[in-house]
Amino acid sequence: MTLKKQIEQHELRIVSLDVPTSWQALSDKDPSQADPITRAVITAINNMLIDLMASMSHKDWLSRRHRQKQGIERAHTLGKYRGKQADQERHKKVLYYRQVKKLSIRETAEATGYSTSQVCRIQALFRPEN
């Protein structure tokens, strides 16, 4: 069930600072709310405005996501974007715990804060070629 249907099913009212008519729909003391037609019109206007704001917000999120992707691609082509760099000190700790202290993969993961699969990946990076 969608959020909108749940809101309608429970007869909830959404009040937004950006939608002044939503405050009118909340107030039962407002004389205009006594008329069922006026109440229905205000409710419809509020729903439309909230849907419009949600659509605009989603469009804004998509455009920011797209622009961010473009920026990353451009940085890749210019050779400026390298992504997150590996923490060499923690990698050395993994190798130390595994090779010198002879800890198990699980014990090494607990000691370094990595997952067991990450410990295996780090070991594979530093494994000598045969």
Protein backbone atom coordinates (compact mmCIF):
# COMPACT_ATOMS: atom_id res chain seq x y z
CA MET A 1 0.00 0.00 0.00
CA THR A 2 1.37 3.40 -0.93
CA LEU A 3 1.97 6.12 1.61
CA LYS A 4 -0.68 8.30 0.01
CA LYS A 5 -3.32 5.55 0.34
CA GLN A 6 -2.36 4.95 3.97
CA ILE A 7 -2.75 8.66 4.71
CA GLU A 8 -6.19 8.67 3.07
CA GLN A 9 -7.23 5.44 4.80
CA HIS A 10 -6.40 6.81 8.25
CA GLU A 11 -7.89 10.20 7.36
CA LEU A 12 -4.69 12.00 8.29
CA ARG A 13 -4.14 15.65 7.46
CA ILE A 14 -0.77 16.90 6.31
CA VAL A 15 0.22 20.38 7.43
CA SER A 16 3.14 22.04 5.70
CA LEU A 17 4.73 25.41 6.33
CA ASP A 18 4.97 25.86 2.56
CA VAL A 19 1.25 25.21 2.00
CA PRO A 20 -0.84 27.85 3.83
CA THR A 21 -4.13 26.19 2.93
CA SER A 22 -3.04 23.10 4.87
CA TRP A 23 -3.40 25.12 8.07
CA GLN A 24 -7.01 25.90 7.16
CA ALA A 25 -7.76 22.22 6.65
CA LEU A 26 -6.39 21.50 10.11
CA SER A 27 -8.51 24.08 11.89
CA ASP A 28 -11.97 22.74 12.78
CA LYS A 29 -12.90 26.10 14.34
CA ASP A 30 -12.68 27.89 11.00
CA PRO A 31 -16.27 28.75 9.91
CA SER A 32 -15.44 27.85 6.31
CA GLN A 33 -14.69 24.28 7.43
CA ALA A 34 -18.30 23.74 8.48
CA ASP A 35 -19.34 23.60 4.83
CA PRO A 36 -18.55 20.12 3.41
CA ILE A 37 -18.04 21.48 -0.11
CA THR A 38 -15.47 24.02 1.07
CA ARG A 39 -13.72 21.34 3.11
CA ALA A 40 -13.58 19.05 0.06
CA VAL A 41 -12.17 21.84 -2.13
CA ILE A 42 -9.49 22.75 0.42
CA THR A 43 -8.58 19.08 0.84
CA ALA A 44 -8.29 18.65 -2.94
CA ILE A 45 -6.13 21.79 -3.23
CA ASN A 46 -3.88 20.60 -0.39
CA ASN A 47 -3.47 17.16 -1.95
CA MET A 48 -2.65 18.73 -5.31
CA LEU A 49 -0.09 21.11 -3.80
CA ILE A 50 1.55 18.34 -1.76
CA ASP A 51 1.71 16.08 -4.86
CA LEU A 52 3.21 18.96 -6.83
CA MET A 53 5.83 19.61 -4.15
CA ALA A 54 6.68 15.90 -3.98
CA SER A 55 7.08 15.77 -7.77
CA MET A 56 9.28 18.87 -7.79
CA SER A 57 11.39 17.44 -4.99
CA HIS A 58 11.83 14.15 -6.84
CA LYS A 59 12.75 15.99 -10.06
CA ASP A 60 15.29 18.07 -8.15
CA TRP A 61 16.78 14.91 -6.60
CA LEU A 62 17.07 13.26 -10.03
CA SER A 63 18.73 16.31 -11.58
CA ARG A 64 21.25 16.57 -8.70
CA ARG A 65 22.01 12.88 -9.07
CA HIS A 66 22.50 13.31 -12.84
CA ARG A 67 24.74 16.38 -12.42
CA GLN A 68 26.82 14.55 -9.82
CA LYS A 69 27.26 11.62 -12.20
CA GLN A 70 28.31 14.03 -14.97
CA GLY A 71 30.84 15.67 -12.66
CA ILE A 72 32.35 12.34 -11.68
CA GLU A 73 32.58 11.25 -15.34
CA ARG A 74 34.24 14.55 -16.26
CA ALA A 75 36.71 14.21 -13.40
CA HIS A 76 37.49 10.66 -14.58
CA THR A 77 38.28 11.90 -18.08
CA LEU A 78 40.51 14.66 -16.68
CA GLY A 79 42.22 12.16 -14.38
CA LYS A 80 41.23 14.05 -11.24
CA TYR A 81 38.80 11.56 -9.72
CA ARG A 82 40.44 8.62 -8.03
CA GLY A 83 37.62 7.47 -5.79
CA LYS A 84 38.10 6.54 -2.17
CA GLN A 85 41.71 5.66 -1.46
CA ALA A 86 42.58 2.54 0.53
CA ASP A 87 43.74 2.96 4.12
CA GLN A 88 47.27 1.57 3.79
CA GLU A 89 47.85 1.53 7.56
CA ARG A 90 44.84 -0.71 8.14
CA HIS A 91 45.95 -2.91 5.26
CA LYS A 92 49.35 -3.29 6.91
CA LYS A 93 47.59 -4.23 10.16
CA VAL A 94 45.63 -6.93 8.34
CA LEU A 95 48.82 -8.38 6.88
CA TYR A 96 50.57 -8.15 10.26
CA TYR A 97 47.75 -9.95 12.10
CA ARG A 98 47.49 -12.64 9.43
CA GLN A 99 51.19 -13.26 8.68
CA VAL A 100 53.06 -12.39 11.88
CA LYS A 101 50.51 -13.00 14.62
CA LYS A 102 48.85 -15.85 12.68
CA LEU A 103 45.32 -14.75 13.61
CA SER A 104 42.35 -16.28 11.82
CA ILE A 105 40.41 -14.29 9.26
CA ARG A 106 37.59 -13.70 11.73
CA GLU A 107 39.96 -12.60 14.51
CA THR A 108 41.75 -10.27 12.08
CA ALA A 109 38.42 -8.80 10.99
CA GLU A 110 37.44 -8.13 14.61
CA ALA A 111 40.83 -6.58 15.40
CA THR A 112 40.87 -4.26 12.37
CA GLY A 113 37.18 -3.43 12.03
CA TYR A 114 36.95 -4.90 8.55
CA SER A 115 34.53 -7.60 7.44
CA THR A 116 35.89 -11.10 6.86
CA SER A 117 35.41 -10.71 3.10
CA GLN A 118 37.38 -7.43 3.14
CA VAL A 119 40.22 -9.16 5.02
CA CYS A 120 40.30 -11.79 2.26
CA ARG A 121 40.32 -9.07 -0.44
CA ILE A 122 43.23 -7.27 1.24
CA GLN A 123 45.19 -10.51 1.50
CA ALA A 124 44.58 -11.17 -2.20
CA LEU A 125 45.93 -7.71 -3.10
CA PHE A 126 49.24 -8.43 -1.40
CA ARG A 127 49.53 -12.10 -2.35
CA PRO A 128 52.68 -12.68 -4.43
CA GLU A 129 52.13 -13.74 -8.03
CA ASN A 130 53.02 -17.38 -8.77
